[in-house]
Protein backbone atom coordinates (compact mmCIF):
# COMPACT_ATOMS: atom_id res chain seq x y z
CA MET A 1 57.84 19.02 34.95
CA ARG A 2 54.62 17.55 35.26
CA SER A 3 52.72 16.43 31.98
CA THR A 4 49.89 14.22 30.92
CA GLY A 5 52.06 13.31 28.22
CA SER A 6 53.89 10.32 28.25
CA ALA A 7 58.16 10.24 27.53
CA GLU A 8 57.75 7.56 24.59
CA PRO A 9 56.19 9.51 21.40
CA GLY A 10 54.36 6.21 20.56
CA LEU A 11 52.48 6.07 24.23
CA LEU A 12 51.87 9.67 23.58
CA ALA A 13 50.22 9.37 20.34
CA ARG A 14 47.62 6.65 21.33
CA ARG A 15 47.36 8.75 24.71
CA ALA A 16 46.46 11.21 22.15
CA LEU A 17 44.18 9.05 19.99
CA LEU A 18 42.19 7.65 23.06
CA LEU A 19 41.46 10.97 24.40
CA ALA A 20 40.19 12.46 21.11
CA GLY A 21 38.00 9.94 20.89
CA LEU A 22 39.25 8.55 17.54
CA GLY A 23 41.45 5.67 18.02
CA ALA A 24 40.79 2.55 15.13
CA ALA A 25 37.55 4.79 13.80
CA LEU A 26 40.61 6.98 12.43
CA PRO A 27 41.21 6.51 8.21
CA ALA A 28 44.49 5.32 7.37
CA GLY A 29 45.92 8.68 6.87
CA ALA A 30 44.58 10.72 9.01
CA ALA A 31 45.83 8.24 12.04
CA VAL A 32 49.59 8.77 10.74
CA ALA A 33 48.89 12.56 11.07
CA SER A 34 48.11 12.22 14.22
CA LEU A 35 50.71 10.06 15.25
CA GLU A 36 53.45 12.56 13.47
CA HIS A 37 51.34 15.57 15.27
CA SER A 38 51.82 13.55 18.71
CA ALA A 39 55.62 13.02 18.26
CA ARG A 40 56.06 16.98 17.61
CA LEU A 41 54.54 17.41 21.11
CA TRP A 42 56.81 14.62 22.59
CA ALA A 43 59.61 16.82 21.32
CA PHE A 44 58.48 20.28 22.30
CA GLU A 45 57.56 18.94 25.56
CA GLN A 46 61.17 17.57 26.03
CA SER A 47 62.82 20.98 24.72
CA MET A 48 60.16 22.88 27.06
CA PRO A 49 62.77 23.37 30.21
CA ALA A 50 65.51 24.70 27.87
CA LEU A 51 62.64 27.06 26.49
CA LEU A 52 62.18 28.25 29.33
CA ALA A 53 65.45 28.73 30.28
CA GLN A 54 66.50 30.62 27.30
CA TYR A 55 63.78 33.01 27.42
CA LYS A 56 63.64 33.54 31.78
CA VAL A 57 60.95 32.13 32.27
CA PRO A 58 60.16 30.57 35.67
CA GLY A 59 57.19 28.40 34.91
CA LEU A 60 54.27 28.02 32.73
CA ALA A 61 50.86 25.67 32.02
CA LEU A 62 49.75 24.64 28.50
CA ARG A 63 46.70 22.49 27.47
CA LEU A 64 46.07 21.36 23.84
CA TRP A 65 42.57 20.38 22.22
CA GLN A 66 41.67 18.72 19.38
CA GLN A 67 38.43 17.36 18.20
CA GLY A 68 37.07 19.74 20.96
CA GLN A 69 38.81 17.32 23.93
CA PRO A 70 41.66 17.92 25.89
CA VAL A 71 44.66 15.69 24.15
CA TRP A 72 47.59 16.99 26.32
CA THR A 73 48.71 19.16 29.36
CA CYS A 74 51.94 20.09 30.31
CA CYS A 75 52.80 22.26 33.07
CA VAL A 76 56.51 22.97 34.12
CA GLY A 77 58.83 25.05 36.19
CA GLN A 78 58.03 27.10 39.86
CA GLY A 79 55.34 29.48 40.49
CA GLY A 80 57.69 31.86 42.52
CA GLY A 81 58.23 33.17 45.69
CA SER A 82 59.84 31.60 48.82
CA GLU A 83 57.57 28.42 48.77
CA ARG A 84 58.82 27.18 45.27
CA ARG A 85 55.23 25.78 44.70
CA ALA A 86 55.64 23.63 41.09
CA ILE A 87 52.98 25.05 38.66
CA ALA A 88 50.27 23.01 38.09
CA PRO A 89 46.67 22.94 36.51
CA ASP A 90 45.04 24.66 39.42
CA THR A 91 47.62 27.46 39.49
CA ILE A 92 46.51 31.33 39.65
CA PHE A 93 47.99 33.53 37.09
CA GLU A 94 46.78 37.10 35.89
CA LEU A 95 45.41 36.48 32.58
CA ALA A 96 45.73 40.38 31.79
CA SER A 97 43.79 40.92 28.15
CA MET A 98 42.79 37.77 27.80
CA SER A 99 39.79 38.90 30.05
CA LYS A 100 38.49 40.71 27.55
CA PRO A 101 36.70 37.73 25.69
CA VAL A 102 34.35 37.13 28.93
CA LEU A 103 33.45 40.56 29.47
CA ALA A 104 32.58 40.57 25.71
CA TRP A 105 30.75 36.78 26.15
CA LEU A 106 28.65 38.47 28.73
CA ALA A 107 28.10 41.70 26.61
CA MET A 108 26.74 38.93 23.75
CA GLN A 109 24.64 37.32 26.26
CA LEU A 110 22.93 40.68 27.03
CA VAL A 111 22.44 41.21 22.98
CA GLN A 112 20.78 37.29 22.45
CA ALA A 113 18.40 38.26 25.48
CA GLY A 114 17.67 41.81 23.58
CA ARG A 115 19.17 44.09 26.68
CA LEU A 116 21.82 45.45 24.57
CA GLN A 117 21.50 46.56 21.08
CA LEU A 118 25.09 46.67 19.12
CA ASP A 119 24.30 49.62 17.52
CA ALA A 120 22.74 51.45 19.60
CA PRO A 121 24.49 54.33 21.10
CA ILE A 122 26.18 53.90 24.43
CA VAL A 123 24.86 57.82 25.44
CA GLU A 124 21.32 56.16 25.36
CA THR A 125 22.65 54.42 28.16
CA ILE A 126 25.81 56.50 30.01
CA PRO A 127 24.72 60.06 29.07
CA GLN A 128 28.06 61.40 29.97
CA PRO A 129 30.40 58.74 29.28
CA PHE A 130 33.33 61.58 29.08
CA GLU A 131 34.43 64.07 31.57
CA ARG A 132 34.62 66.40 28.70
CA PRO A 133 32.40 65.91 26.07
CA GLN A 134 34.40 64.39 22.78
CA PRO A 135 33.21 65.20 19.70
CA GLY A 136 31.29 61.90 17.95
CA GLN A 137 30.62 60.50 21.26
CA GLU A 138 27.19 60.39 20.13
CA ARG A 139 28.32 57.73 17.72
CA ILE A 140 30.07 55.43 19.84
CA THR A 141 28.53 51.99 20.21
CA ALA A 142 28.94 48.79 22.12
CA ARG A 143 29.58 47.09 18.78
CA MET A 144 32.65 49.93 18.19
CA LEU A 145 33.85 48.97 21.65
CA LEU A 146 33.79 45.70 21.44
CA SER A 147 35.78 45.81 18.19
CA HIS A 148 38.12 48.52 19.03
CA GLN A 149 36.55 51.02 16.70
CA SER A 150 35.41 53.62 19.35
CA GLY A 151 38.94 55.90 18.53
CA LEU A 152 40.06 55.57 22.74
CA PRO A 153 43.20 55.10 23.18
CA ASN A 154 44.99 51.74 24.55
CA TRP A 155 45.12 53.99 28.00
CA ARG A 156 44.69 57.73 28.50
CA SER A 157 47.57 59.82 29.34
CA GLY A 158 48.51 61.10 32.63
CA GLY A 159 46.82 58.18 34.63
CA ASP A 160 43.55 57.35 35.86
CA ASP A 161 43.02 60.56 37.07
CA ALA A 162 43.36 62.23 34.04
CA PRO A 163 40.29 62.79 31.39
CA LEU A 164 39.29 60.32 29.14
CA LEU A 165 39.73 61.77 25.60
CA LEU A 166 39.16 59.92 22.15
CA GLN A 167 42.04 59.72 19.95
CA GLY A 168 40.42 58.88 16.54
CA ALA A 169 37.00 59.08 15.20
CA PRO A 170 34.49 56.26 16.68
CA GLY A 171 33.80 54.04 13.56
CA GLN A 172 36.57 55.23 11.37
CA GLY A 173 39.36 52.13 12.13
CA PHE A 174 40.99 49.97 14.56
CA ILE A 175 42.74 51.33 17.90
CA TYR A 176 43.10 48.72 20.19
CA SER A 177 41.74 49.83 23.32
CA GLY A 178 41.90 48.93 27.22
CA GLU A 179 39.52 51.85 27.88
CA GLY A 180 37.29 50.68 25.58
CA TYR A 181 36.46 48.00 27.43
CA GLN A 182 36.32 49.61 30.55
CA LEU A 183 33.58 51.49 29.21
CA LEU A 184 32.00 48.81 27.79
CA GLN A 185 32.07 47.17 31.38
CA LEU A 186 30.25 50.07 32.70
CA LEU A 187 27.72 49.79 30.05
CA VAL A 188 27.14 45.99 30.69
CA GLU A 189 27.15 47.35 34.72
CA ARG A 190 24.36 50.02 34.02
CA ILE A 191 22.28 47.49 32.21
CA THR A 192 22.17 44.49 34.54
CA GLY A 193 22.26 46.18 37.80
CA LEU A 194 25.46 44.24 39.13
CA PRO A 195 28.96 44.62 39.42
CA LEU A 196 31.44 42.96 37.09
CA GLN A 197 32.35 40.40 39.36
CA ALA A 198 28.78 39.15 40.89
CA LEU A 199 27.33 39.02 37.16
CA ALA A 200 30.52 36.88 35.92
CA GLU A 201 30.12 34.63 38.78
CA ARG A 202 26.47 33.83 37.86
CA GLU A 203 26.49 33.96 34.26
CA LEU A 204 29.64 32.15 33.60
CA PHE A 205 31.94 31.39 36.45
CA GLY A 206 29.45 29.42 38.20
CA PRO A 207 27.72 27.46 35.59
CA LEU A 208 31.04 26.47 33.76
CA GLY A 209 32.55 25.68 37.41
CA MET A 210 35.26 28.35 36.99
CA ASN A 211 35.35 28.46 40.96
CA SER A 212 39.00 29.35 40.59
CA SER A 213 38.31 32.91 38.34
CA SER A 214 38.01 36.25 39.65
CA PHE A 215 38.17 39.94 38.66
CA VAL A 216 39.18 40.85 41.94
CA TRP A 217 42.16 39.12 43.67
CA ARG A 218 40.43 36.68 46.88
CA PRO A 219 42.38 35.33 49.33
CA SER A 220 41.37 32.03 49.45
CA LEU A 221 43.38 31.30 45.92
CA ASP A 222 46.47 32.96 47.49
CA ALA A 223 48.03 29.52 48.07
CA ARG A 224 48.05 28.85 44.56
CA ARG A 225 49.05 32.07 43.20
CA ALA A 226 52.12 32.86 41.11
CA TRP A 227 54.75 35.25 41.30
CA GLY A 228 54.89 37.01 38.15
CA HIS A 229 58.66 37.80 36.79
CA ASP A 230 60.01 40.33 34.49
CA GLU A 231 62.03 39.64 31.36
CA ALA A 232 65.34 38.82 33.60
CA GLY A 233 63.47 36.27 35.24
CA ALA A 234 63.20 38.49 38.53
CA PRO A 235 60.43 38.46 40.59
CA LEU A 236 58.40 41.40 40.31
CA SER A 237 55.60 42.56 42.94
CA ARG A 238 52.38 41.26 43.63
CA GLN A 239 49.11 43.20 42.60
CA ASP A 240 46.10 42.66 44.54
CA TYR A 241 43.45 44.05 42.45
CA SER A 242 40.19 45.38 44.53
CA LYS A 243 38.58 47.11 41.68
CA ALA A 244 37.18 44.89 38.86
CA ASN A 245 38.46 45.85 35.17
CA ALA A 246 37.27 43.69 32.39
CA ALA A 247 40.52 44.99 30.22
CA TYR A 248 43.27 43.00 32.21
CA THR A 249 42.20 41.84 36.13
CA LEU A 250 40.92 38.74 35.59
CA TYR A 251 42.85 35.84 37.92
CA SER A 252 42.33 32.36 37.05
CA SER A 253 43.92 29.12 36.38
CA LEU A 254 44.66 26.90 33.46
CA ASP A 255 41.86 24.19 34.47
CA ASP A 256 38.98 26.84 34.71
CA TYR A 257 39.98 29.74 31.66
CA GLY A 258 40.59 26.01 29.96
CA ARG A 259 36.81 25.50 30.52
CA PHE A 260 35.84 29.13 29.17
CA LEU A 261 38.47 28.08 25.99
CA ALA A 262 36.40 24.65 25.34
CA ALA A 263 32.94 26.38 25.34
CA MET A 264 34.17 28.66 22.78
CA LEU A 265 34.57 25.65 20.35
CA LYS A 266 30.53 25.38 20.41
CA PRO A 267 29.26 27.49 17.53
CA ALA A 268 26.28 28.27 20.42
CA MET A 269 28.45 30.06 22.86
CA SER A 270 31.27 31.64 20.40
CA GLY A 271 28.61 32.14 17.55
CA ALA A 272 28.75 36.09 16.59
CA MET A 273 31.61 36.85 18.31
CA LEU A 274 33.70 35.36 15.57
CA GLN A 275 32.16 37.64 12.69
CA PRO A 276 34.83 39.96 11.62
CA GLN A 277 34.07 43.37 12.15
CA VAL A 278 37.24 45.29 11.33
CA ARG A 279 40.76 45.08 9.62
CA ALA A 280 43.48 45.38 12.32
CA ALA A 281 46.28 46.77 9.47
CA ASP A 282 48.90 47.39 12.21
CA ARG A 283 48.68 44.15 12.98
CA GLU A 284 50.79 41.31 10.82
CA PRO A 285 49.37 37.40 10.66
CA LEU A 286 51.23 35.09 13.51
CA PRO A 287 53.70 33.10 11.58
CA ARG A 288 52.16 29.87 11.98
CA PRO A 289 53.39 27.09 9.63
CA GLU A 290 50.98 26.12 6.53
CA PRO A 291 47.65 25.51 6.16
CA ALA A 292 47.53 27.76 9.52
CA ARG A 293 49.43 30.93 8.03
CA GLY A 294 46.92 33.75 8.44
CA ARG A 295 46.17 36.30 5.47
CA ALA A 296 45.20 39.32 7.27
CA ILE A 297 44.12 40.32 11.04
CA HIS A 298 40.80 41.29 11.92
CA TRP A 299 38.77 41.96 15.11
CA GLY A 300 35.65 40.31 16.00
CA LEU A 301 33.08 41.03 18.76
CA GLY A 302 36.30 40.10 21.54
CA TRP A 303 38.21 37.76 19.49
CA VAL A 304 41.21 38.57 17.57
CA LEU A 305 40.26 36.65 14.01
CA ASP A 306 42.95 35.30 11.54
CA ASP A 307 41.78 33.38 8.31
CA THR A 308 43.91 30.63 7.29
CA ALA A 309 44.04 27.66 4.63
CA ALA A 310 42.99 25.13 7.65
CA GLY A 311 40.11 27.82 8.41
CA ARG A 312 38.89 30.54 10.77
CA ILE A 313 41.42 30.81 14.04
CA ALA A 314 40.46 33.30 16.64
CA TYR A 315 43.19 34.02 19.55
CA HIS A 316 43.81 36.63 22.00
CA SER A 317 47.10 37.45 24.37
CA GLY A 318 47.31 38.69 27.60
CA SER A 319 50.58 40.94 28.89
CA ASN A 320 50.48 42.56 32.42
CA SER A 321 53.48 44.54 34.16
CA THR A 322 53.23 42.39 37.16
CA GLY A 323 55.02 39.82 35.14
CA PHE A 324 52.22 37.34 33.38
CA ARG A 325 52.17 36.47 29.66
CA SER A 326 49.18 34.59 28.76
CA TYR A 327 47.77 33.38 25.04
CA CYS A 328 44.83 31.24 23.26
CA GLN A 329 43.71 30.13 20.08
CA PHE A 330 40.78 28.18 18.82
CA SER A 331 39.26 26.99 15.65
CA VAL A 332 35.46 25.92 15.80
CA GLU A 333 35.88 24.21 12.63
CA ARG A 334 38.76 22.04 13.47
CA GLY A 335 37.65 21.58 17.35
CA SER A 336 41.23 23.05 18.18
CA ALA A 337 42.47 25.06 20.74
CA TRP A 338 45.57 25.58 22.84
CA LEU A 339 45.65 27.70 25.73
CA LEU A 340 49.02 29.21 27.74
CA LEU A 341 49.39 30.86 30.82
CA SER A 342 52.66 31.93 32.30
CA ASN A 343 54.42 34.00 35.21
CA GLY A 344 57.45 35.73 33.22
CA LEU A 345 57.23 38.43 30.58
CA GLY A 346 59.63 36.60 28.27
CA ALA A 347 56.69 34.24 27.46
CA GLY A 348 55.58 36.73 25.00
CA LYS A 349 58.53 35.08 23.03
CA LEU A 350 57.79 31.92 24.05
CA TRP A 351 53.90 31.58 22.78
CA ARG A 352 54.86 32.86 19.50
CA HIS A 353 57.73 30.10 19.21
CA LEU A 354 54.99 27.66 19.97
CA ALA A 355 52.54 29.00 17.42
CA ALA A 356 55.48 29.25 14.75
CA THR A 357 55.99 25.45 15.72
CA LEU A 358 52.76 24.04 15.96
CA GLY A 359 50.37 26.14 14.09
CA ASP A 360 46.85 25.25 14.36
CA LEU A 361 47.96 21.40 15.49
C-alpha cells in the first residue's frame, strides 16, 4: 500500500494541517476537530487492506481535499493483469458515468458563450433526434438532458441498433438517462463542429493539464492501465472504446480527474451546474453521518445535489460492467471533496462505507 499519509496519527494530522494551509492559524476548537478528523483518516487507511479483501476489490486510488487543497492520498492494491502493477495516482481507470459532469461542464461553457440556449428545443439544432418521431420530442431541451428530465430511458431496449423511444413525457419528472447524455453530446458536437474528444482536449483537458484523460482509448495509456474485476474479484476483459460516448467511456486517473474536481470547488467553474433542477424522488440520500446527512436528492446541471445541515454536497458515481466503480463528491461552501477510483465492481459498497464513515470531511 502506498499513501501520502503517515503511519502515525499525530504526524498525519500535522501533515493535513500543513497541506490545508491551516497550521497555527486555526482556532483551538478547529485544530482539535482537524486532529480528530486526521486520526479517523489514519484509522481508515489502516483498515483499507481488510476492506479491499471484504469487498473483493483488487485496488483503488483515493484522494481528499480540505480548504480547497489536497490533504490525503491513498493508493492501495494492484491494477490486475499479469504485470501486477501497484495502483498509483496516475493509474488509468474507466470512470463510467463520472464522464457525464465533464460533458455537462463543456455544455455550460457554450451556454455562457451564448452558443447554447438551455431552454431552446433541441430540434432547432437536431431536426430529427429520433429514428421514429416521438410525441413531445419538440419539447426536449438541453436543460432537460442535463438534469435527466427528457423522458428518455437510461438505455434503449434491444441494443444500440434498436430505435430510441421515450419512456416518459419530457419535462415531467426525473428519469436517469445515459441516452439523454448521448443526445446532449450530439447537440454539443453539432454546435461546435468538433467531436467530443477534440472539444474536451481544447476546452478542458489541455487547460487543466489532464493529459491522461480521454473519451477514446489511446495506446499510449496502456502501460498504466488497470484491469476491471467482477464482484467476486475475477478479472474481466478490457474494453478499448474507439467511439466517444459522454455517458460512460471516459478514461482518467486520480491525478487527472482530481484536477477537474478541484476546479469544481471554485464557484466560477461549477456555477449554475449546482442549482437544483428536479427532485429525484426514486433516490435516497447517502447515509452520511450528521451534519452531512442529506434530506432529499435533487439533480442539477450535471451533478447530483444533496442539501445537508453542513451545506450542499454535489456528487456523482460511476459503474461500468467492465469492472470499474468510481465516486466523487465536493462542497463549494466548505472547500472539501473526495475522489475514489477502483478496478472492482465490489467498490460500490466500499465507497458507500467511506461516505458513511467520513461524511463531508
